[in-house]
Amino acid sequence: MPLIEAPEAAMRLARAICSDVSLYNEEKIVRGIEHDNFFDSLQEELEEGRELYRSRVSPELYAQTNFYDRAIVDVILRSKGHVKSRIW
């Protein structure tokens, strides 16, 4: 499978991966937000997603963009804005 070179395709991939992380880890995400340890509690899942993203995107595009990190915020965290937390 060829590596993704187009920024739009890389952004879609990052969002799809984060959507899957969100779908399969709902309770863990909510607890992480409530206890202000989101990144610690989802470290394994987020890193697995990052490695998948890195393996599918060209090294140049990966190094020049932060699409995966933005997708974590846009797809996972923003959709959980209703969860009570000290951070918002």
N, C-alpha and C. Protein backbone atom coordinates (compact mmCIF):
# COMPACT_ATOMS: atom_id res chain seq x y z
N MET A 1 0.84 -1.17 0.00
CA MET A 1 0.00 0.00 0.00
C MET A 1 0.90 1.24 0.00
N PRO A 2 0.67 2.17 -0.93
CA PRO A 2 1.50 3.38 -0.98
C PRO A 2 1.22 4.31 0.20
N LEU A 3 2.22 5.05 0.58
CA LEU A 3 2.08 5.99 1.69
C LEU A 3 1.24 7.19 1.25
N ILE A 4 0.52 7.75 2.18
CA ILE A 4 -0.32 8.92 1.91
C ILE A 4 0.59 10.14 1.77
N GLU A 5 0.39 10.88 0.70
CA GLU A 5 1.18 12.08 0.42
C GLU A 5 0.35 13.35 0.52
N ALA A 6 -0.97 13.23 0.35
CA ALA A 6 -1.85 14.40 0.33
C ALA A 6 -2.26 14.79 1.75
N PRO A 7 -2.11 16.07 2.10
CA PRO A 7 -2.49 16.51 3.44
C PRO A 7 -3.95 16.21 3.80
N GLU A 8 -4.85 16.37 2.85
CA GLU A 8 -6.27 16.12 3.12
C GLU A 8 -6.51 14.65 3.47
N ALA A 9 -5.86 13.77 2.78
CA ALA A 9 -6.00 12.34 3.06
C ALA A 9 -5.39 11.99 4.40
N ALA A 10 -4.26 12.61 4.74
CA ALA A 10 -3.62 12.36 6.03
C ALA A 10 -4.51 12.85 7.16
N MET A 11 -5.14 14.00 6.97
CA MET A 11 -6.04 14.53 7.99
C MET A 11 -7.24 13.60 8.17
N ARG A 12 -7.79 13.10 7.08
CA ARG A 12 -8.93 12.16 7.18
C ARG A 12 -8.52 10.90 7.92
N LEU A 13 -7.33 10.39 7.63
CA LEU A 13 -6.85 9.18 8.31
C LEU A 13 -6.71 9.44 9.81
N ALA A 14 -6.11 10.55 10.18
CA ALA A 14 -5.92 10.88 11.60
C ALA A 14 -7.27 10.96 12.30
N ARG A 15 -8.24 11.59 11.67
CA ARG A 15 -9.57 11.71 12.27
C ARG A 15 -10.26 10.36 12.37
N ALA A 16 -10.08 9.51 11.39
CA ALA A 16 -10.69 8.17 11.42
C ALA A 16 -10.09 7.32 12.55
N ILE A 17 -8.78 7.40 12.71
CA ILE A 17 -8.12 6.65 13.78
C ILE A 17 -8.61 7.15 15.14
N CYS A 18 -8.67 8.45 15.32
CA CYS A 18 -9.14 9.01 16.60
C CYS A 18 -10.61 8.69 16.83
N SER A 19 -11.38 8.63 15.79
CA SER A 19 -12.79 8.25 15.92
C SER A 19 -12.91 6.82 16.45
N ASP A 20 -12.07 5.93 15.95
CA ASP A 20 -12.06 4.55 16.44
C ASP A 20 -11.62 4.49 17.91
N VAL A 21 -10.60 5.25 18.25
CA VAL A 21 -10.14 5.29 19.65
C VAL A 21 -11.29 5.74 20.53
N SER A 22 -12.00 6.76 20.11
CA SER A 22 -13.12 7.28 20.88
C SER A 22 -14.25 6.26 21.00
N LEU A 23 -14.56 5.61 19.91
CA LEU A 23 -15.65 4.64 19.88
C LEU A 23 -15.40 3.47 20.83
N TYR A 24 -14.18 2.97 20.84
CA TYR A 24 -13.88 1.76 21.61
C TYR A 24 -13.39 2.02 23.04
N ASN A 25 -13.25 3.29 23.42
CA ASN A 25 -12.72 3.61 24.75
C ASN A 25 -13.53 4.69 25.46
N GLU A 26 -14.82 4.72 25.23
CA GLU A 26 -15.69 5.77 25.77
C GLU A 26 -15.54 5.95 27.28
N GLU A 27 -15.68 4.88 28.03
CA GLU A 27 -15.62 4.98 29.49
C GLU A 27 -14.24 5.46 29.97
N LYS A 28 -13.21 4.94 29.37
CA LYS A 28 -11.85 5.32 29.75
C LYS A 28 -11.60 6.81 29.46
N ILE A 29 -12.14 7.29 28.36
CA ILE A 29 -11.98 8.70 27.99
C ILE A 29 -12.70 9.58 29.01
N VAL A 30 -13.93 9.23 29.32
CA VAL A 30 -14.71 10.02 30.28
C VAL A 30 -14.00 10.05 31.64
N ARG A 31 -13.55 8.90 32.12
CA ARG A 31 -12.83 8.86 33.39
C ARG A 31 -11.55 9.69 33.34
N GLY A 32 -10.84 9.61 32.23
CA GLY A 32 -9.61 10.38 32.08
C GLY A 32 -9.86 11.87 32.11
N ILE A 33 -10.95 12.31 31.51
CA ILE A 33 -11.29 13.73 31.54
C ILE A 33 -11.74 14.14 32.94
N GLU A 34 -12.57 13.34 33.54
CA GLU A 34 -13.06 13.66 34.88
C GLU A 34 -11.93 13.74 35.90
N HIS A 35 -10.93 12.88 35.76
CA HIS A 35 -9.83 12.83 36.73
C HIS A 35 -8.59 13.60 36.26
N ASP A 36 -8.75 14.31 35.15
CA ASP A 36 -7.66 15.13 34.60
C ASP A 36 -6.39 14.32 34.35
N ASN A 37 -6.57 13.10 33.84
CA ASN A 37 -5.41 12.29 33.45
C ASN A 37 -5.66 11.59 32.11
N PHE A 38 -6.35 12.30 31.23
CA PHE A 38 -6.73 11.76 29.93
C PHE A 38 -5.54 11.15 29.18
N PHE A 39 -4.48 11.92 29.02
CA PHE A 39 -3.34 11.45 28.23
C PHE A 39 -2.61 10.30 28.90
N ASP A 40 -2.58 10.28 30.21
CA ASP A 40 -1.96 9.15 30.92
C ASP A 40 -2.80 7.90 30.80
N SER A 41 -4.10 8.03 30.98
CA SER A 41 -4.96 6.84 30.97
C SER A 41 -5.15 6.27 29.57
N LEU A 42 -4.99 7.09 28.53
CA LEU A 42 -5.14 6.58 27.16
C LEU A 42 -3.81 6.52 26.42
N GLN A 43 -2.72 6.54 27.14
CA GLN A 43 -1.40 6.56 26.52
C GLN A 43 -1.22 5.41 25.52
N GLU A 44 -1.57 4.22 25.92
CA GLU A 44 -1.38 3.05 25.06
C GLU A 44 -2.22 3.15 23.78
N GLU A 45 -3.48 3.49 23.92
CA GLU A 45 -4.38 3.58 22.78
C GLU A 45 -3.97 4.71 21.83
N LEU A 46 -3.61 5.86 22.40
CA LEU A 46 -3.21 6.99 21.57
C LEU A 46 -1.89 6.71 20.85
N GLU A 47 -0.98 6.04 21.53
CA GLU A 47 0.31 5.72 20.89
C GLU A 47 0.12 4.67 19.79
N GLU A 48 -0.75 3.71 20.03
CA GLU A 48 -1.04 2.71 18.99
C GLU A 48 -1.63 3.40 17.76
N GLY A 49 -2.53 4.34 17.97
CA GLY A 49 -3.10 5.10 16.87
C GLY A 49 -2.05 5.92 16.15
N ARG A 50 -1.16 6.54 16.92
CA ARG A 50 -0.09 7.35 16.33
C ARG A 50 0.83 6.49 15.45
N GLU A 51 1.15 5.30 15.93
CA GLU A 51 2.01 4.41 15.14
C GLU A 51 1.32 3.96 13.85
N LEU A 52 0.03 3.69 13.92
CA LEU A 52 -0.72 3.35 12.71
C LEU A 52 -0.69 4.52 11.74
N TYR A 53 -0.96 5.71 12.24
CA TYR A 53 -0.94 6.91 11.40
C TYR A 53 0.45 7.09 10.78
N ARG A 54 1.49 6.99 11.59
CA ARG A 54 2.86 7.17 11.09
C ARG A 54 3.21 6.14 10.00
N SER A 55 2.70 4.93 10.15
CA SER A 55 3.01 3.88 9.18
C SER A 55 2.31 4.07 7.85
N ARG A 56 1.27 4.87 7.82
CA ARG A 56 0.48 5.06 6.60
C ARG A 56 0.75 6.37 5.88
N VAL A 57 1.46 7.31 6.55
CA VAL A 57 1.71 8.64 6.00
C VAL A 57 3.19 8.77 5.65
N SER A 58 3.47 9.49 4.57
CA SER A 58 4.87 9.68 4.19
C SER A 58 5.64 10.36 5.32
N PRO A 59 6.90 10.00 5.51
CA PRO A 59 7.70 10.60 6.59
C PRO A 59 7.77 12.13 6.51
N GLU A 60 7.83 12.67 5.30
CA GLU A 60 7.89 14.12 5.15
C GLU A 60 6.61 14.78 5.64
N LEU A 61 5.48 14.23 5.27
CA LEU A 61 4.20 14.78 5.69
C LEU A 61 4.02 14.63 7.20
N TYR A 62 4.42 13.50 7.73
CA TYR A 62 4.33 13.28 9.18
C TYR A 62 5.15 14.31 9.94
N ALA A 63 6.36 14.58 9.46
CA ALA A 63 7.26 15.51 10.14
C ALA A 63 6.80 16.96 10.04
N GLN A 64 6.07 17.29 8.99
CA GLN A 64 5.67 18.67 8.75
C GLN A 64 4.30 19.04 9.32
N THR A 65 3.55 18.07 9.79
CA THR A 65 2.18 18.36 10.24
C THR A 65 1.94 17.79 11.64
N ASN A 66 0.86 18.23 12.24
CA ASN A 66 0.46 17.67 13.53
C ASN A 66 -1.00 17.20 13.44
N PHE A 67 -1.36 16.61 12.33
CA PHE A 67 -2.75 16.20 12.09
C PHE A 67 -3.24 15.21 13.14
N TYR A 68 -2.41 14.30 13.58
CA TYR A 68 -2.86 13.31 14.55
C TYR A 68 -3.16 13.98 15.89
N ASP A 69 -2.27 14.85 16.34
CA ASP A 69 -2.50 15.56 17.61
C ASP A 69 -3.75 16.43 17.54
N ARG A 70 -3.94 17.10 16.41
CA ARG A 70 -5.14 17.92 16.23
C ARG A 70 -6.39 17.06 16.25
N ALA A 71 -6.32 15.88 15.67
CA ALA A 71 -7.48 14.98 15.64
C ALA A 71 -7.83 14.50 17.05
N ILE A 72 -6.84 14.30 17.89
CA ILE A 72 -7.12 13.91 19.28
C ILE A 72 -8.00 14.97 19.93
N VAL A 73 -7.64 16.22 19.75
CA VAL A 73 -8.40 17.31 20.34
C VAL A 73 -9.75 17.46 19.66
N ASP A 74 -9.76 17.53 18.32
CA ASP A 74 -10.99 17.78 17.58
C ASP A 74 -12.00 16.65 17.65
N VAL A 75 -11.52 15.42 17.58
CA VAL A 75 -12.43 14.28 17.50
C VAL A 75 -12.76 13.71 18.88
N ILE A 76 -11.75 13.53 19.70
CA ILE A 76 -11.98 12.88 21.00
C ILE A 76 -12.38 13.89 22.07
N LEU A 77 -11.55 14.86 22.32
CA LEU A 77 -11.80 15.77 23.44
C LEU A 77 -12.95 16.73 23.20
N ARG A 78 -13.04 17.31 22.03
CA ARG A 78 -14.11 18.27 21.77
C ARG A 78 -15.49 17.63 21.89
N SER A 79 -15.60 16.39 21.50
CA SER A 79 -16.90 15.72 21.59
C SER A 79 -17.29 15.40 23.03
N LYS A 80 -16.35 15.51 23.94
CA LYS A 80 -16.62 15.22 25.35
C LYS A 80 -16.68 16.50 26.18
N GLY A 81 -16.99 17.62 25.57
CA GLY A 81 -17.07 18.89 26.26
C GLY A 81 -18.12 18.92 27.35
N HIS A 82 -19.08 18.01 27.30
CA HIS A 82 -20.14 17.94 28.29
C HIS A 82 -19.71 17.24 29.59
N VAL A 83 -18.58 16.57 29.56
CA VAL A 83 -18.09 15.83 30.73
C VAL A 83 -17.54 16.82 31.75
N LYS A 84 -17.97 16.70 33.01
CA LYS A 84 -17.48 17.60 34.06
C LYS A 84 -15.99 17.38 34.28
N SER A 85 -15.28 18.51 34.32
CA SER A 85 -13.84 18.44 34.51
C SER A 85 -13.32 19.75 35.07
N ARG A 86 -12.23 19.67 35.80
CA ARG A 86 -11.60 20.90 36.30
C ARG A 86 -10.90 21.65 35.19
N ILE A 87 -10.60 21.00 34.09
CA ILE A 87 -9.84 21.66 33.04
C ILE A 87 -10.69 22.52 32.11
N TRP A 88 -12.02 22.40 32.21
CA TRP A 88 -12.90 23.32 31.47
C TRP A 88 -14.17 23.58 32.17
